[in-house]
Amino acid sequence: MPSSVWIILIVIAVIALFLVFTYNGLVRLRNTVDEAWNQISVQLKRRHDLIPNLVNAVKGYMDFEQETLTKVIEARGAAVSAQQAGPAGAAQSAQAENFLTGALRQLFALVENYPDLKANQNVLQLQEELTTTENQIGFARQHYNSTVRDFNTSIQTFPSVLIAGMFGFAARDYFQIEEADAAVPTVNLRDEPPQAVPPATPPAEPPQA
């Protein structure tokens, strides 16, 4: 067999190996992104499941705040719908979660106006569970965004960009929730005794002439 034929076969084999290894590498990165999103999805579902319990716990005390409760319920519904799009809708899901966080902030701010809620252990427990869940979402978000960065970098750099274009690998969106917005605000619902005010010191008498 002529040497030119061997050279052509070797070139073809090298190209085939490059395609296989690059494609498999991109698939592994894409699967890692999907697995990281599943971790976020679990925590988001827990958050969404806690909110109806919270609304039911406070609505008996907040008869005149139905508009706020309705906003929380509607924001939760929008967040649940956005989450169903999966990692492909990460940007929309993050936006919906930010709206939900804003509604929760408004709710907890109003809770302070109802002294009876300060003794409600159910509300206290739900608030603690929500705060814990928000922290877990934050950790999962950091991991997810790290995997998205690695995947997007791979499909945008040469020579992987050639394979990504051929096989339809598209960039993924980050799950952007600001740290300041990610946590449910901590509201002091426990009664605390008022701090004693020290007696005022009487002014010194002027010296006698």
N, C-alpha and C. Protein backbone atom coordinates (compact mmCIF):
# COMPACT_ATOMS: atom_id res chain seq x y z
N MET A 1 0.86 -1.19 0.00
CA MET A 1 0.00 0.00 0.00
C MET A 1 0.89 1.24 0.00
N PRO A 2 0.64 2.18 -0.88
CA PRO A 2 1.48 3.38 -0.96
C PRO A 2 1.48 4.16 0.35
N SER A 3 2.58 4.82 0.60
CA SER A 3 2.70 5.58 1.84
C SER A 3 1.69 6.72 1.90
N SER A 4 1.32 7.28 0.77
CA SER A 4 0.33 8.37 0.77
C SER A 4 -1.01 7.89 1.30
N VAL A 5 -1.34 6.64 1.02
CA VAL A 5 -2.61 6.09 1.53
C VAL A 5 -2.55 5.96 3.04
N TRP A 6 -1.39 5.49 3.55
CA TRP A 6 -1.24 5.39 5.01
C TRP A 6 -1.37 6.76 5.67
N ILE A 7 -0.80 7.75 5.06
CA ILE A 7 -0.88 9.10 5.63
C ILE A 7 -2.33 9.56 5.69
N ILE A 8 -3.07 9.30 4.62
CA ILE A 8 -4.48 9.70 4.60
C ILE A 8 -5.27 8.97 5.68
N LEU A 9 -5.00 7.66 5.83
CA LEU A 9 -5.71 6.88 6.85
C LEU A 9 -5.37 7.37 8.26
N ILE A 10 -4.11 7.72 8.48
CA ILE A 10 -3.71 8.22 9.80
C ILE A 10 -4.38 9.55 10.09
N VAL A 11 -4.44 10.43 9.10
CA VAL A 11 -5.10 11.72 9.28
C VAL A 11 -6.58 11.53 9.60
N ILE A 12 -7.21 10.63 8.87
CA ILE A 12 -8.63 10.36 9.13
C ILE A 12 -8.84 9.81 10.53
N ALA A 13 -7.95 8.91 10.96
CA ALA A 13 -8.07 8.34 12.30
C ALA A 13 -7.89 9.40 13.37
N VAL A 14 -6.92 10.30 13.16
CA VAL A 14 -6.70 11.38 14.14
C VAL A 14 -7.91 12.29 14.23
N ILE A 15 -8.48 12.63 13.07
CA ILE A 15 -9.66 13.49 13.07
C ILE A 15 -10.83 12.80 13.76
N ALA A 16 -11.00 11.50 13.50
CA ALA A 16 -12.09 10.75 14.12
C ALA A 16 -11.93 10.71 15.63
N LEU A 17 -10.70 10.47 16.09
CA LEU A 17 -10.45 10.44 17.53
C LEU A 17 -10.70 11.80 18.16
N PHE A 18 -10.29 12.85 17.47
CA PHE A 18 -10.54 14.20 17.98
C PHE A 18 -12.04 14.45 18.12
N LEU A 19 -12.81 14.07 17.11
CA LEU A 19 -14.25 14.27 17.17
C LEU A 19 -14.88 13.50 18.32
N VAL A 20 -14.45 12.26 18.49
CA VAL A 20 -15.02 11.42 19.54
C VAL A 20 -14.71 11.97 20.91
N PHE A 21 -13.44 12.28 21.17
CA PHE A 21 -13.04 12.75 22.50
C PHE A 21 -13.64 14.12 22.81
N THR A 22 -13.67 15.00 21.82
CA THR A 22 -14.25 16.32 22.06
C THR A 22 -15.74 16.24 22.30
N TYR A 23 -16.43 15.45 21.49
CA TYR A 23 -17.88 15.30 21.67
C TYR A 23 -18.20 14.70 23.03
N ASN A 24 -17.49 13.64 23.41
CA ASN A 24 -17.75 13.01 24.70
C ASN A 24 -17.46 13.96 25.86
N GLY A 25 -16.42 14.78 25.71
CA GLY A 25 -16.11 15.75 26.74
C GLY A 25 -17.21 16.78 26.91
N LEU A 26 -17.77 17.24 25.82
CA LEU A 26 -18.87 18.21 25.89
C LEU A 26 -20.12 17.58 26.49
N VAL A 27 -20.36 16.34 26.16
CA VAL A 27 -21.52 15.65 26.74
C VAL A 27 -21.36 15.52 28.25
N ARG A 28 -20.16 15.18 28.70
CA ARG A 28 -19.93 15.06 30.13
C ARG A 28 -20.16 16.40 30.84
N LEU A 29 -19.67 17.48 30.24
CA LEU A 29 -19.87 18.80 30.84
C LEU A 29 -21.35 19.18 30.87
N ARG A 30 -22.06 18.87 29.79
CA ARG A 30 -23.49 19.18 29.75
C ARG A 30 -24.25 18.38 30.81
N ASN A 31 -23.89 17.12 30.99
CA ASN A 31 -24.54 16.31 32.01
C ASN A 31 -24.24 16.83 33.41
N THR A 32 -23.03 17.34 33.60
CA THR A 32 -22.67 17.92 34.90
C THR A 32 -23.52 19.14 35.21
N VAL A 33 -23.78 19.96 34.17
CA VAL A 33 -24.65 21.12 34.35
C VAL A 33 -26.06 20.67 34.74
N ASP A 34 -26.58 19.65 34.07
CA ASP A 34 -27.92 19.16 34.37
C ASP A 34 -28.00 18.59 35.79
N GLU A 35 -26.97 17.88 36.21
CA GLU A 35 -26.95 17.35 37.58
C GLU A 35 -26.91 18.46 38.61
N ALA A 36 -26.13 19.51 38.32
CA ALA A 36 -26.06 20.65 39.24
C ALA A 36 -27.41 21.36 39.32
N TRP A 37 -28.11 21.45 38.19
CA TRP A 37 -29.44 22.07 38.22
C TRP A 37 -30.41 21.24 39.05
N ASN A 38 -30.29 19.94 39.00
CA ASN A 38 -31.18 19.08 39.79
C ASN A 38 -31.04 19.39 41.29
N GLN A 39 -29.83 19.72 41.72
CA GLN A 39 -29.63 20.08 43.12
C GLN A 39 -30.35 21.38 43.46
N ILE A 40 -30.31 22.34 42.55
CA ILE A 40 -31.06 23.57 42.76
C ILE A 40 -32.56 23.29 42.77
N SER A 41 -32.99 22.44 41.84
CA SER A 41 -34.42 22.16 41.70
C SER A 41 -35.00 21.54 42.97
N VAL A 42 -34.22 20.67 43.60
CA VAL A 42 -34.69 20.05 44.84
C VAL A 42 -34.93 21.10 45.92
N GLN A 43 -34.00 22.03 46.06
CA GLN A 43 -34.14 23.06 47.07
C GLN A 43 -35.24 24.06 46.73
N LEU A 44 -35.40 24.38 45.45
CA LEU A 44 -36.48 25.27 45.06
C LEU A 44 -37.84 24.64 45.34
N LYS A 45 -37.96 23.35 45.08
CA LYS A 45 -39.23 22.67 45.35
C LYS A 45 -39.55 22.69 46.85
N ARG A 46 -38.51 22.51 47.66
CA ARG A 46 -38.72 22.58 49.11
C ARG A 46 -39.19 23.98 49.51
N ARG A 47 -38.57 24.99 48.92
CA ARG A 47 -38.99 26.37 49.22
C ARG A 47 -40.44 26.58 48.82
N HIS A 48 -40.80 26.14 47.63
CA HIS A 48 -42.16 26.33 47.14
C HIS A 48 -43.17 25.57 48.01
N ASP A 49 -42.77 24.41 48.53
CA ASP A 49 -43.68 23.62 49.37
C ASP A 49 -43.89 24.26 50.74
N LEU A 50 -42.91 25.00 51.23
CA LEU A 50 -43.03 25.63 52.55
C LEU A 50 -43.94 26.86 52.52
N ILE A 51 -44.00 27.54 51.40
CA ILE A 51 -44.71 28.82 51.35
C ILE A 51 -46.21 28.67 51.59
N PRO A 52 -46.92 27.70 51.01
CA PRO A 52 -48.36 27.56 51.35
C PRO A 52 -48.58 27.33 52.85
N ASN A 53 -47.70 26.56 53.48
CA ASN A 53 -47.83 26.35 54.92
C ASN A 53 -47.66 27.67 55.69
N LEU A 54 -46.71 28.50 55.23
CA LEU A 54 -46.51 29.79 55.88
C LEU A 54 -47.73 30.68 55.70
N VAL A 55 -48.27 30.73 54.49
CA VAL A 55 -49.44 31.56 54.24
C VAL A 55 -50.62 31.10 55.10
N ASN A 56 -50.82 29.80 55.20
CA ASN A 56 -51.92 29.28 56.02
C ASN A 56 -51.72 29.59 57.49
N ALA A 57 -50.45 29.66 57.93
CA ALA A 57 -50.17 29.92 59.34
C ALA A 57 -50.42 31.37 59.72
N VAL A 58 -50.25 32.29 58.77
CA VAL A 58 -50.37 33.71 59.12
C VAL A 58 -51.69 34.34 58.69
N LYS A 59 -52.40 33.71 57.76
CA LYS A 59 -53.57 34.39 57.20
C LYS A 59 -54.68 34.59 58.23
N GLY A 60 -54.73 33.73 59.25
CA GLY A 60 -55.74 33.92 60.28
C GLY A 60 -55.51 35.16 61.11
N TYR A 61 -54.27 35.61 61.17
CA TYR A 61 -53.93 36.80 61.94
C TYR A 61 -53.93 38.06 61.09
N MET A 62 -53.84 37.89 59.76
CA MET A 62 -53.65 39.02 58.86
C MET A 62 -54.84 39.18 57.93
N ASP A 63 -56.01 39.37 58.53
CA ASP A 63 -57.24 39.45 57.73
C ASP A 63 -57.22 40.65 56.79
N PHE A 64 -56.47 41.70 57.18
CA PHE A 64 -56.50 42.92 56.39
C PHE A 64 -55.30 43.02 55.43
N GLU A 65 -54.57 41.92 55.29
CA GLU A 65 -53.38 41.92 54.43
C GLU A 65 -53.53 40.90 53.30
N GLN A 66 -54.76 40.72 52.83
CA GLN A 66 -55.00 39.72 51.81
C GLN A 66 -54.25 40.03 50.51
N GLU A 67 -54.05 41.30 50.21
CA GLU A 67 -53.34 41.66 48.99
C GLU A 67 -51.90 41.15 49.03
N THR A 68 -51.27 41.29 50.19
CA THR A 68 -49.89 40.80 50.34
C THR A 68 -49.84 39.29 50.23
N LEU A 69 -50.76 38.60 50.86
CA LEU A 69 -50.79 37.14 50.80
C LEU A 69 -51.05 36.68 49.36
N THR A 70 -51.91 37.39 48.67
CA THR A 70 -52.19 37.03 47.27
C THR A 70 -50.94 37.19 46.41
N LYS A 71 -50.17 38.25 46.66
CA LYS A 71 -48.94 38.46 45.89
C LYS A 71 -47.94 37.32 46.13
N VAL A 72 -47.87 36.86 47.38
CA VAL A 72 -46.96 35.74 47.68
C VAL A 72 -47.40 34.49 46.94
N ILE A 73 -48.70 34.21 46.98
CA ILE A 73 -49.21 33.01 46.32
C ILE A 73 -48.99 33.08 44.80
N GLU A 74 -49.26 34.25 44.22
CA GLU A 74 -49.07 34.40 42.77
C GLU A 74 -47.60 34.30 42.39
N ALA A 75 -46.73 34.90 43.20
CA ALA A 75 -45.29 34.82 42.92
C ALA A 75 -44.79 33.39 43.04
N ARG A 76 -45.32 32.64 44.00
CA ARG A 76 -44.95 31.23 44.13
C ARG A 76 -45.38 30.46 42.89
N GLY A 77 -46.62 30.70 42.43
CA GLY A 77 -47.11 29.99 41.24
C GLY A 77 -46.25 30.27 40.02
N ALA A 78 -45.82 31.53 39.86
CA ALA A 78 -44.96 31.88 38.73
C ALA A 78 -43.60 31.20 38.85
N ALA A 79 -43.08 31.11 40.08
CA ALA A 79 -41.78 30.46 40.28
C ALA A 79 -41.86 28.96 39.99
N VAL A 80 -42.96 28.34 40.40
CA VAL A 80 -43.14 26.90 40.12
C VAL A 80 -43.20 26.66 38.62
N SER A 81 -43.94 27.50 37.90
CA SER A 81 -44.05 27.34 36.45
C SER A 81 -42.71 27.54 35.77
N ALA A 82 -41.94 28.54 36.21
CA ALA A 82 -40.64 28.80 35.59
C ALA A 82 -39.67 27.66 35.85
N GLN A 83 -39.76 27.05 37.00
CA GLN A 83 -38.85 25.95 37.33
C GLN A 83 -39.05 24.75 36.43
N GLN A 84 -40.27 24.56 35.95
CA GLN A 84 -40.58 23.38 35.14
C GLN A 84 -39.86 23.39 33.80
N ALA A 85 -39.32 24.54 33.40
CA ALA A 85 -38.57 24.61 32.14
C ALA A 85 -37.21 23.95 32.25
N GLY A 86 -36.76 23.64 33.47
CA GLY A 86 -35.47 22.97 33.65
C GLY A 86 -34.31 23.93 33.49
N PRO A 87 -33.10 23.39 33.32
CA PRO A 87 -31.92 24.26 33.22
C PRO A 87 -31.94 25.18 32.02
N ALA A 88 -32.69 24.83 30.99
CA ALA A 88 -32.77 25.71 29.81
C ALA A 88 -33.45 27.03 30.16
N GLY A 89 -34.27 27.04 31.21
CA GLY A 89 -34.95 28.27 31.63
C GLY A 89 -34.40 28.81 32.93
N ALA A 90 -33.10 28.65 33.17
CA ALA A 90 -32.51 29.09 34.44
C ALA A 90 -32.66 30.59 34.65
N ALA A 91 -32.48 31.38 33.60
CA ALA A 91 -32.59 32.83 33.73
C ALA A 91 -34.01 33.24 34.13
N GLN A 92 -35.01 32.65 33.48
CA GLN A 92 -36.40 32.97 33.81
C GLN A 92 -36.75 32.50 35.22
N SER A 93 -36.23 31.34 35.59
CA SER A 93 -36.49 30.83 36.93
C SER A 93 -35.89 31.74 38.00
N ALA A 94 -34.67 32.23 37.75
CA ALA A 94 -34.03 33.13 38.70
C ALA A 94 -34.83 34.42 38.85
N GLN A 95 -35.34 34.94 37.76
CA GLN A 95 -36.14 36.16 37.82
C GLN A 95 -37.41 35.93 38.64
N ALA A 96 -38.06 34.78 38.42
CA ALA A 96 -39.28 34.47 39.17
C ALA A 96 -38.97 34.29 40.65
N GLU A 97 -37.84 33.69 40.96
CA GLU A 97 -37.47 33.50 42.37
C GLU A 97 -37.19 34.85 43.04
N ASN A 98 -36.61 35.79 42.29
CA ASN A 98 -36.37 37.11 42.85
C ASN A 98 -37.68 37.83 43.17
N PHE A 99 -38.67 37.69 42.31
CA PHE A 99 -39.98 38.27 42.59
C PHE A 99 -40.60 37.62 43.83
N LEU A 100 -40.43 36.31 43.95
CA LEU A 100 -40.96 35.60 45.12
C LEU A 100 -40.27 36.07 46.39
N THR A 101 -38.97 36.26 46.34
CA THR A 101 -38.23 36.74 47.50
C THR A 101 -38.73 38.12 47.92
N GLY A 102 -38.99 38.99 46.93
CA GLY A 102 -39.52 40.31 47.26
C GLY A 102 -40.88 40.23 47.94
N ALA A 103 -41.75 39.33 47.47
CA ALA A 103 -43.06 39.17 48.10
C ALA A 103 -42.92 38.65 49.52
N LEU A 104 -41.98 37.73 49.74
CA LEU A 104 -41.76 37.21 51.10
C LEU A 104 -41.22 38.29 52.02
N ARG A 105 -40.35 39.14 51.50
CA ARG A 105 -39.83 40.23 52.32
C ARG A 105 -40.96 41.13 52.79
N GLN A 106 -41.87 41.44 51.89
CA GLN A 106 -43.00 42.29 52.25
C GLN A 106 -43.88 41.61 53.30
N LEU A 107 -44.07 40.29 53.15
CA LEU A 107 -44.88 39.55 54.11
C LEU A 107 -44.26 39.57 55.50
N PHE A 108 -42.95 39.29 55.58
CA PHE A 108 -42.30 39.25 56.88
C PHE A 108 -42.21 40.63 57.51
N ALA A 109 -42.14 41.66 56.69
CA ALA A 109 -42.14 43.01 57.25
C ALA A 109 -43.48 43.31 57.91
N LEU A 110 -44.57 42.83 57.32
CA LEU A 110 -45.90 43.05 57.89
C LEU A 110 -46.15 42.20 59.13
N VAL A 111 -45.48 41.05 59.20
CA VAL A 111 -45.68 40.16 60.34
C VAL A 111 -45.34 40.89 61.64
N GLU A 112 -44.39 41.79 61.60
CA GLU A 112 -43.98 42.51 62.80
C GLU A 112 -45.11 43.36 63.38
N ASN A 113 -46.11 43.65 62.57
CA ASN A 113 -47.23 44.46 63.06
C ASN A 113 -48.28 43.65 63.80
N TYR A 114 -48.08 42.34 63.92
CA TYR A 114 -49.07 41.46 64.55
C TYR A 114 -48.43 40.76 65.74
N PRO A 115 -48.62 41.29 66.94
CA PRO A 115 -47.97 40.72 68.14
C PRO A 115 -48.32 39.26 68.38
N ASP A 116 -49.52 38.84 68.02
CA ASP A 116 -49.92 37.45 68.27
C ASP A 116 -49.03 36.47 67.51
N LEU A 117 -48.50 36.89 66.38
CA LEU A 117 -47.64 36.00 65.61
C LEU A 117 -46.29 35.77 66.29
N LYS A 118 -45.91 36.65 67.20
CA LYS A 118 -44.62 36.51 67.86
C LYS A 118 -44.57 35.27 68.74
N ALA A 119 -45.76 34.82 69.16
CA ALA A 119 -45.81 33.62 70.01
C ALA A 119 -46.17 32.37 69.22
N ASN A 120 -46.30 32.49 67.91
CA ASN A 120 -46.71 31.36 67.08
C ASN A 120 -45.48 30.53 66.70
N GLN A 121 -45.33 29.37 67.33
CA GLN A 121 -44.16 28.53 67.09
C GLN A 121 -44.14 27.96 65.67
N ASN A 122 -45.32 27.77 65.10
CA ASN A 122 -45.38 27.24 63.73
C ASN A 122 -44.75 28.22 62.75
N VAL A 123 -45.07 29.51 62.91
CA VAL A 123 -44.49 30.53 62.04
C VAL A 123 -42.98 30.61 62.24
N LEU A 124 -42.55 30.54 63.51
CA LEU A 124 -41.12 30.57 63.79
C LEU A 124 -40.39 29.41 63.12
N GLN A 125 -40.96 28.22 63.21
CA GLN A 125 -40.34 27.05 62.61
C GLN A 125 -40.29 27.16 61.09
N LEU A 126 -41.38 27.64 60.49
CA LEU A 126 -41.42 27.79 59.04
C LEU A 126 -40.39 28.82 58.57
N GLN A 127 -40.23 29.88 59.35
CA GLN A 127 -39.24 30.90 58.98
C GLN A 127 -37.83 30.31 59.03
N GLU A 128 -37.55 29.52 60.06
CA GLU A 128 -36.23 28.90 60.17
C GLU A 128 -35.99 27.91 59.04
N GLU A 129 -37.02 27.14 58.67
CA GLU A 129 -36.87 26.19 57.57
C GLU A 129 -36.65 26.92 56.24
N LEU A 130 -37.34 28.03 56.05
CA LEU A 130 -37.14 28.81 54.83
C LEU A 130 -35.73 29.38 54.75
N THR A 131 -35.23 29.87 55.89
CA THR A 131 -33.88 30.43 55.91
C THR A 131 -32.85 29.34 55.60
N THR A 132 -33.03 28.16 56.18
CA THR A 132 -32.12 27.05 55.90
C THR A 132 -32.17 26.66 54.43
N THR A 133 -33.37 26.62 53.87
CA THR A 133 -33.52 26.28 52.46
C THR A 133 -32.86 27.32 51.56
N GLU A 134 -33.00 28.60 51.91
CA GLU A 134 -32.37 29.66 51.13
C GLU A 134 -30.85 29.49 51.12
N ASN A 135 -30.29 29.10 52.26
CA ASN A 135 -28.84 28.87 52.32
C ASN A 135 -28.43 27.72 51.41
N GLN A 136 -29.23 26.65 51.40
CA GLN A 136 -28.94 25.51 50.53
C GLN A 136 -29.04 25.90 49.05
N ILE A 137 -30.01 26.76 48.73
CA ILE A 137 -30.13 27.24 47.35
C ILE A 137 -28.88 28.02 46.97
N GLY A 138 -28.37 28.81 47.90
CA GLY A 138 -27.16 29.59 47.62
C GLY A 138 -25.97 28.71 47.31
N PHE A 139 -25.77 27.64 48.10
CA PHE A 139 -24.66 26.72 47.84
C PHE A 139 -24.83 26.02 46.49
N ALA A 140 -26.07 25.54 46.23
CA ALA A 140 -26.32 24.85 44.97
C ALA A 140 -26.16 25.79 43.78
N ARG A 141 -26.53 27.05 43.95
CA ARG A 141 -26.40 28.03 42.87
C ARG A 141 -24.93 28.25 42.51
N GLN A 142 -24.08 28.35 43.51
CA GLN A 142 -22.65 28.54 43.25
C GLN A 142 -22.08 27.37 42.46
N HIS A 143 -22.46 26.15 42.84
CA HIS A 143 -21.96 24.97 42.13
C HIS A 143 -22.49 24.95 40.70
N TYR A 144 -23.78 25.24 40.54
CA TYR A 144 -24.37 25.23 39.20
C TYR A 144 -23.70 26.26 38.29
N ASN A 145 -23.54 27.48 38.78
CA ASN A 145 -22.93 28.52 37.95
C ASN A 145 -21.49 28.18 37.59
N SER A 146 -20.80 27.47 38.47
CA SER A 146 -19.43 27.04 38.16
C SER A 146 -19.43 26.04 37.01
N THR A 147 -20.36 25.10 37.03
CA THR A 147 -20.43 24.11 35.94
C THR A 147 -20.86 24.76 34.63
N VAL A 148 -21.76 25.75 34.71
CA VAL A 148 -22.17 26.48 33.50
C VAL A 148 -20.99 27.23 32.90
N ARG A 149 -20.20 27.84 33.76
CA ARG A 149 -19.03 28.57 33.26
C ARG A 149 -18.08 27.64 32.52
N ASP A 150 -17.82 26.47 33.09
CA ASP A 150 -16.92 25.51 32.44
C ASP A 150 -17.49 25.03 31.11
N PHE A 151 -18.79 24.75 31.09
CA PHE A 151 -19.42 24.26 29.86
C PHE A 151 -19.40 25.34 28.78
N ASN A 152 -19.81 26.56 29.14
CA ASN A 152 -19.86 27.64 28.16
C ASN A 152 -18.47 27.97 27.62
N THR A 153 -17.47 27.92 28.50
CA THR A 153 -16.11 28.18 28.04
C THR A 153 -15.66 27.13 27.03
N SER A 154 -16.03 25.88 27.30
CA SER A 154 -15.62 24.80 26.40
C SER A 154 -16.23 24.93 25.02
N ILE A 155 -17.51 25.28 24.95
CA ILE A 155 -18.16 25.32 23.64
C ILE A 155 -17.86 26.61 22.89
N GLN A 156 -17.20 27.56 23.55
CA GLN A 156 -16.90 28.83 22.90
C GLN A 156 -15.43 28.97 22.51
N THR A 157 -14.60 27.99 22.87
CA THR A 157 -13.18 28.07 22.57
C THR A 157 -12.81 27.07 21.49
N PHE A 158 -11.80 27.42 20.75
CA PHE A 158 -11.32 26.56 19.66
C PHE A 158 -10.45 25.45 20.25
N PRO A 159 -10.56 24.21 19.75
CA PRO A 159 -11.36 23.77 18.59
C PRO A 159 -12.72 23.20 18.96
N SER A 160 -13.05 23.20 20.28
CA SER A 160 -14.33 22.61 20.68
C SER A 160 -15.51 23.33 20.07
N VAL A 161 -15.36 24.62 19.78
CA VAL A 161 -16.46 25.38 19.22
C VAL A 161 -16.92 24.78 17.88
N LEU A 162 -16.01 24.16 17.15
CA LEU A 162 -16.39 23.54 15.88
C LEU A 162 -17.34 22.36 16.12
N ILE A 163 -17.01 21.54 17.10
CA ILE A 163 -17.86 20.37 17.40
C ILE A 163 -19.18 20.82 18.01
N ALA A 164 -19.12 21.84 18.87
CA ALA A 164 -20.34 22.33 19.51
C ALA A 164 -21.33 22.83 18.46
N GLY A 165 -20.83 23.53 17.46
CA GLY A 165 -21.72 24.02 16.41
C GLY A 165 -22.30 22.90 15.57
N MET A 166 -21.49 21.88 15.31
CA MET A 166 -21.96 20.78 14.48
C MET A 166 -23.05 19.97 15.17
N PHE A 167 -22.94 19.80 16.49
CA PHE A 167 -23.86 18.90 17.20
C PHE A 167 -24.86 19.66 18.08
N GLY A 168 -24.95 20.96 17.93
CA GLY A 168 -26.02 21.71 18.59
C GLY A 168 -25.84 21.94 20.07
N PHE A 169 -24.62 22.03 20.56
CA PHE A 169 -24.40 22.37 21.97
C PHE A 169 -24.57 23.88 22.13
N ALA A 170 -25.56 24.28 22.92
CA ALA A 170 -25.85 25.71 23.11
C ALA A 170 -25.43 26.14 24.52
N ALA A 171 -25.06 27.40 24.64
CA ALA A 171 -24.65 27.94 25.94
C ALA A 171 -25.82 27.90 26.92
N ARG A 172 -25.50 27.68 28.19
CA ARG A 172 -26.51 27.65 29.24
C ARG A 172 -26.51 28.98 29.99
N ASP A 173 -27.68 29.33 30.53
CA ASP A 173 -27.81 30.56 31.32
C ASP A 173 -27.38 30.31 32.76
N TYR A 174 -26.82 31.36 33.36
CA TYR A 174 -26.51 31.30 34.78
C TYR A 174 -27.79 31.47 35.60
N PHE A 175 -27.74 30.97 36.82
CA PHE A 175 -28.86 31.15 37.76
C PHE A 175 -28.49 32.33 38.64
N GLN A 176 -28.93 33.53 38.22
CA GLN A 176 -28.48 34.76 38.84
C GLN A 176 -29.46 35.23 39.90
N ILE A 177 -29.11 34.95 41.15
CA ILE A 177 -29.84 35.52 42.29
C ILE A 177 -28.81 36.24 43.14
N GLU A 178 -29.04 37.52 43.35
CA GLU A 178 -28.09 38.28 44.15
C GLU A 178 -28.06 37.74 45.57
N GLU A 179 -26.87 37.78 46.18
CA GLU A 179 -26.72 37.28 47.55
C GLU A 179 -27.65 38.00 48.50
N ALA A 180 -27.80 39.31 48.31
CA ALA A 180 -28.64 40.08 49.22
C ALA A 180 -30.10 39.70 49.08
N ASP A 181 -30.49 39.19 47.89
CA ASP A 181 -31.89 38.84 47.66
C ASP A 181 -32.18 37.38 47.90
N ALA A 182 -31.12 36.58 48.08
CA ALA A 182 -31.32 35.15 48.14
C ALA A 182 -31.85 34.68 49.47
N ALA A 183 -31.65 35.47 50.52
CA ALA A 183 -32.03 35.02 51.86
C ALA A 183 -33.33 35.67 52.29
N VAL A 184 -34.15 34.89 52.96
CA VAL A 184 -35.35 35.44 53.57
C VAL A 184 -34.91 36.27 54.77
N PRO A 185 -35.39 37.49 54.92
CA PRO A 185 -34.95 38.33 56.03
C PRO A 185 -35.34 37.72 57.36
N THR A 186 -34.48 37.85 58.33
CA THR A 186 -34.73 37.33 59.67
C THR A 186 -35.55 38.34 60.43
N VAL A 187 -36.72 37.93 60.86
CA VAL A 187 -37.61 38.81 61.61
C VAL A 187 -37.70 38.29 63.03
N ASN A 188 -37.50 39.17 64.00
CA ASN A 188 -37.56 38.76 65.40
C ASN A 188 -39.01 38.62 65.82
N LEU A 189 -39.46 37.38 65.94
CA LEU A 189 -40.86 37.12 66.30
C LEU A 189 -41.01 36.74 67.76
N ARG A 190 -39.94 36.75 68.50
CA ARG A 190 -39.99 36.37 69.91
C ARG A 190 -40.09 37.63 70.77
N ASP A 191 -40.87 37.49 71.85
CA ASP A 191 -40.98 38.61 72.78
C ASP A 191 -39.67 38.78 73.51
N GLU A 192 -39.21 40.00 73.62
CA GLU A 192 -38.00 40.29 74.36
C GLU A 192 -38.33 41.39 75.36
N PRO A 193 -37.86 41.26 76.61
CA PRO A 193 -38.15 42.30 77.60
C PRO A 193 -37.49 43.60 77.19
N PRO A 194 -38.15 44.70 77.40
CA PRO A 194 -37.54 45.99 77.03
C PRO A 194 -36.32 46.25 77.88
N GLN A 195 -35.32 46.86 77.29
CA GLN A 195 -34.12 47.17 78.01
C GLN A 195 -34.37 48.34 78.95
N ALA A 196 -33.81 48.20 80.14
CA ALA A 196 -33.99 49.25 81.14
C ALA A 196 -33.23 50.49 80.70
N VAL A 197 -33.87 51.63 80.89
CA VAL A 197 -33.24 52.90 80.56
C VAL A 197 -32.60 53.46 81.80
N PRO A 198 -31.31 53.73 81.79
CA PRO A 198 -30.66 54.24 83.00
C PRO A 198 -31.23 55.59 83.38
N PRO A 199 -31.39 55.83 84.71
CA PRO A 199 -31.94 57.13 85.14
C PRO A 199 -31.04 58.27 84.71
N ALA A 200 -31.66 59.37 84.38
CA ALA A 200 -30.90 60.54 83.96
C ALA A 200 -30.15 61.12 85.14
N THR A 201 -28.94 61.53 84.93
CA THR A 201 -28.13 62.14 85.99
C THR A 201 -28.54 63.59 86.17
N PRO A 202 -28.94 63.96 87.39
CA PRO A 202 -29.37 65.37 87.59
C PRO A 202 -28.21 66.32 87.38
N PRO A 203 -28.47 67.46 86.86
CA PRO A 203 -27.38 68.44 86.62
C PRO A 203 -26.77 68.89 87.94
N ALA A 204 -25.48 69.13 87.90
CA ALA A 204 -24.77 69.56 89.12
C ALA A 204 -25.20 70.98 89.48
N GLU A 205 -25.33 71.23 90.81
CA GLU A 205 -25.71 72.56 91.28
C GLU A 205 -24.55 73.50 91.14
N PRO A 206 -24.82 74.71 90.72
CA PRO A 206 -23.72 75.69 90.60
C PRO A 206 -23.12 76.02 91.97
N PRO A 207 -21.85 76.29 92.00
CA PRO A 207 -21.21 76.58 93.30
C PRO A 207 -21.78 77.86 93.92
N GLN A 208 -21.89 77.83 95.27
CA GLN A 208 -22.39 78.99 95.98
C GLN A 208 -21.39 80.14 95.92
N ALA A 209 -21.92 81.32 95.69
CA ALA A 209 -21.04 82.48 95.63
C ALA A 209 -20.52 82.84 97.02
